[in-house]
Amino acid sequence: MAWTSKFAAGFAKPLIRQLAGILKRDMQAALDQVSGAPGSLGSFAEWDLATLVQQNFPALALLPQSVEFDPESLGTLAERIKVLAAVTVTHQDPNPCAELIQDYVRAVDEVLNSAWWLTPSDFELSTLALPSPPYPAGATTPGLQALTRLFVAAHTYEELRRTRQGQFTTTATLSVIAELEEA
C-alpha cells in the first residue's frame, strides 16, 4: 500500500506567508499612523525568510523559532508556533536610529494585533499579495483556516552598531505566537 499522510498540516510555512501578506498590505498605513506624518516612514525595503546580511533598510525577516504540539489533542495537530519578526533599521545619527526602531516595532505590533482582534478573517484570505522577493512575483497568501489565536508576546531590542559605511543600525525582534489546530 502506498504511503499517505494522516495530516495535511503546514506548520510554520503558511503562517509566515500569511503574516508577510498582512504586513505587506497594512505596514504603510500603520507607519503613517505611528509617525503622525504620512509618508515620512517607508515600508520595508527588504523582506527575508532567513538570517542574512541585509542590504536594504528598513528590513524585516520572518523566522520560525519553534512548533510545539499538544499531546492531548485527538485527531488533530494542536500547535503553538513561535515566529520571530526581526526588524532592522539604519540612520546616520544614533539617537534617531534608536527611536526609528521603536516606531517600526510599534507599527508591526499594531498591524498583527489589529488584524487578529479587528479582522481575524484576514488570516483566512488567500488573495493577499506576498512581497517579492523573497516570494515569486504575483504570489499570494495561502489562507489559514486553522488559526485559533495570535499575539505578540514580547519585543526585544539589540544594541546600536556602527556599519563600515558610518551608519548606525539596530535590530529588534517581536516574538509572535500563533496557535493553530490543523487536521
Protein backbone atom coordinates (compact mmCIF):
# COMPACT_ATOMS: atom_id res chain seq x y z
CA MET A 1 0.00 0.00 0.00
CA ALA A 2 1.29 3.46 -0.88
CA TRP A 3 2.09 5.82 1.97
CA THR A 4 -0.46 8.51 2.80
CA SER A 5 -0.27 11.18 5.45
CA LYS A 6 -2.84 11.34 8.23
CA PHE A 7 -2.42 15.12 8.49
CA ALA A 8 -2.19 17.94 5.97
CA ALA A 9 -0.64 20.38 8.43
CA GLY A 10 1.54 23.12 7.01
CA PHE A 11 3.18 24.08 10.32
CA ALA A 12 5.10 27.42 10.18
CA LYS A 13 5.40 27.97 6.41
CA PRO A 14 1.80 29.01 5.62
CA LEU A 15 1.65 31.05 8.83
CA ILE A 16 4.74 33.03 7.86
CA ARG A 17 3.32 33.63 4.39
CA GLN A 18 0.06 34.91 5.86
CA LEU A 19 1.93 37.21 8.25
CA ALA A 20 4.01 38.55 5.34
CA GLY A 21 0.90 39.23 3.24
CA ILE A 22 -0.88 41.09 6.04
CA LEU A 23 2.24 43.09 6.90
CA LYS A 24 2.87 43.96 3.26
CA ARG A 25 -0.70 45.18 2.86
CA ASP A 26 -1.01 47.19 6.10
CA MET A 27 2.51 48.32 7.01
CA GLN A 28 2.47 51.71 5.30
CA ALA A 29 -0.84 52.70 6.90
CA ALA A 30 0.48 51.67 10.33
CA LEU A 31 3.71 53.64 9.81
CA ASP A 32 1.70 56.69 8.77
CA GLN A 33 -0.36 56.40 11.95
CA VAL A 34 2.66 55.78 14.21
CA SER A 35 4.72 58.66 12.79
CA GLY A 36 1.85 61.12 12.62
CA ALA A 37 3.32 62.33 9.32
CA PRO A 38 2.04 60.21 6.41
CA GLY A 39 4.82 59.19 4.05
CA SER A 40 7.66 60.12 6.42
CA LEU A 41 8.48 56.46 7.15
CA GLY A 42 8.64 53.99 4.28
CA SER A 43 7.58 50.37 4.42
CA PHE A 44 10.16 47.60 4.36
CA ALA A 45 12.70 47.78 1.55
CA GLU A 46 13.83 44.21 2.19
CA TRP A 47 11.86 41.13 3.24
CA ASP A 48 13.73 37.99 4.31
CA LEU A 49 12.92 34.45 5.38
CA ALA A 50 16.39 33.60 6.66
CA THR A 51 19.05 35.26 8.74
CA LEU A 52 21.09 37.03 6.09
CA VAL A 53 23.26 40.10 5.79
CA GLN A 54 20.69 42.73 4.93
CA GLN A 55 21.42 45.19 2.14
CA ASN A 56 18.35 47.45 2.13
CA PHE A 57 16.72 49.17 5.07
CA PRO A 58 14.33 49.12 6.74
CA ALA A 59 14.25 45.34 6.63
CA LEU A 60 12.00 42.62 8.03
CA ALA A 61 12.85 38.94 8.47
CA LEU A 62 10.16 36.43 9.45
CA LEU A 63 11.91 33.49 11.10
CA PRO A 64 10.33 30.32 12.51
CA GLN A 65 11.59 29.57 16.02
CA SER A 66 9.58 26.61 17.27
CA VAL A 67 6.49 24.48 16.80
CA GLU A 68 5.14 22.82 19.94
CA PHE A 69 2.36 20.25 19.90
CA ASP A 70 -0.36 19.45 22.40
CA PRO A 71 -0.16 15.72 23.10
CA GLU A 72 -3.75 15.77 24.39
CA SER A 73 -5.29 16.78 21.06
CA LEU A 74 -7.09 13.88 19.46
CA GLY A 75 -7.36 13.53 15.70
CA THR A 76 -5.81 16.96 15.04
CA LEU A 77 -2.48 18.67 15.48
CA ALA A 78 -2.87 21.42 18.05
CA GLU A 79 0.19 23.60 17.56
CA ARG A 80 1.78 26.61 19.19
CA ILE A 81 4.13 28.24 16.69
CA LYS A 82 6.66 30.90 17.62
CA VAL A 83 7.83 33.21 14.83
CA LEU A 84 10.36 35.99 15.25
CA ALA A 85 9.72 39.15 13.27
CA ALA A 86 13.16 40.80 13.14
CA VAL A 87 13.08 44.48 12.20
CA THR A 88 16.31 46.26 11.22
CA VAL A 89 16.71 49.98 10.63
CA THR A 90 19.61 52.28 9.88
CA HIS A 91 20.28 56.01 10.26
CA GLN A 92 23.30 58.31 10.18
CA ASP A 93 22.57 59.55 13.74
CA PRO A 94 22.33 57.13 16.69
CA ASN A 95 19.51 58.91 18.52
CA PRO A 96 17.04 58.96 15.60
CA CYS A 97 18.03 55.33 14.89
CA ALA A 98 17.10 54.39 18.47
CA GLU A 99 13.67 56.00 18.02
CA LEU A 100 13.19 54.72 14.49
CA ILE A 101 13.41 51.09 15.61
CA GLN A 102 10.72 51.75 18.20
CA ASP A 103 8.41 53.21 15.54
CA TYR A 104 8.84 50.21 13.23
CA VAL A 105 8.33 47.72 16.07
CA ARG A 106 5.19 49.56 17.16
CA ALA A 107 3.84 49.52 13.59
CA VAL A 108 4.49 45.77 13.14
CA ASP A 109 2.89 45.05 16.52
CA GLU A 110 -0.15 47.18 15.65
CA VAL A 111 -0.61 45.52 12.25
CA LEU A 112 -0.52 41.99 13.66
CA ASN A 113 -2.61 42.64 16.77
CA SER A 114 -5.15 44.77 14.89
CA ALA A 115 -5.55 42.14 12.19
CA TRP A 116 -6.17 39.45 14.79
CA TRP A 117 -8.53 41.45 17.03
CA LEU A 118 -10.36 43.58 14.45
CA THR A 119 -10.42 41.46 11.29
CA PRO A 120 -9.39 37.87 12.14
CA SER A 121 -10.85 36.72 8.83
CA ASP A 122 -7.82 38.42 7.19
CA PHE A 123 -5.86 35.35 8.22
CA GLU A 124 -8.14 33.23 6.01
CA LEU A 125 -7.58 35.36 2.89
CA SER A 126 -5.82 33.64 0.01
CA THR A 127 -5.65 36.79 -2.12
CA LEU A 128 -3.11 38.96 -0.30
CA ALA A 129 -0.01 39.76 -2.34
CA LEU A 130 3.27 38.47 -0.94
CA PRO A 131 6.41 40.63 -1.06
CA SER A 132 8.71 39.94 -3.99
CA PRO A 133 11.44 38.99 -3.20
CA PRO A 134 11.58 36.66 -1.29
CA TYR A 135 8.44 35.24 -2.91
CA PRO A 136 7.93 34.99 -6.67
CA ALA A 137 6.19 37.95 -8.31
CA GLY A 138 2.42 37.51 -8.20
CA ALA A 139 2.47 35.01 -5.30
CA THR A 140 -0.42 35.28 -2.86
CA THR A 141 -1.10 34.13 0.68
CA PRO A 142 -2.34 30.58 1.33
CA GLY A 143 -5.09 31.48 3.80
CA LEU A 144 -5.18 29.89 7.25
CA GLN A 145 -8.36 28.10 8.24
CA ALA A 146 -6.84 26.66 11.41
CA LEU A 147 -5.65 29.76 13.32
CA THR A 148 -7.25 29.93 16.76
CA ARG A 149 -5.13 32.66 18.40
CA LEU A 150 -2.34 35.10 17.58
CA PHE A 151 -0.50 37.54 19.80
CA VAL A 152 2.77 39.39 20.10
CA ALA A 153 4.39 38.02 23.25
CA ALA A 154 7.49 40.24 23.51
CA HIS A 155 9.69 42.90 21.93
CA THR A 156 13.47 42.54 22.29
CA TYR A 157 15.87 45.33 21.30
CA GLU A 158 19.54 44.92 20.36
CA GLU A 159 22.36 47.42 20.77
CA LEU A 160 23.11 50.05 18.17
CA ARG A 161 26.04 49.14 15.90
CA ARG A 162 28.03 51.27 13.50
CA THR A 163 28.42 49.93 9.96
CA ARG A 164 31.56 50.23 7.82
CA GLN A 165 29.74 52.93 5.87
CA GLY A 166 29.42 55.02 9.06
CA GLN A 167 25.68 54.46 9.51
CA PHE A 168 24.12 53.27 12.74
CA THR A 169 21.98 50.16 12.64
CA THR A 170 19.90 48.25 15.13
CA THR A 171 17.54 45.30 15.20
CA ALA A 172 14.55 44.44 17.34
CA THR A 173 12.58 41.22 17.35
CA LEU A 174 8.93 40.66 18.03
CA SER A 175 8.04 37.20 19.35
CA VAL A 176 4.80 36.28 17.61
CA ILE A 177 2.86 33.33 18.99
CA ALA A 178 0.22 31.61 16.88
CA GLU A 179 -1.99 28.76 17.94
CA LEU A 180 -3.43 26.52 15.24
CA GLU A 181 -5.43 23.33 15.11
CA GLU A 182 -4.75 21.51 11.85
CA ALA A 183 -6.27 18.33 10.55
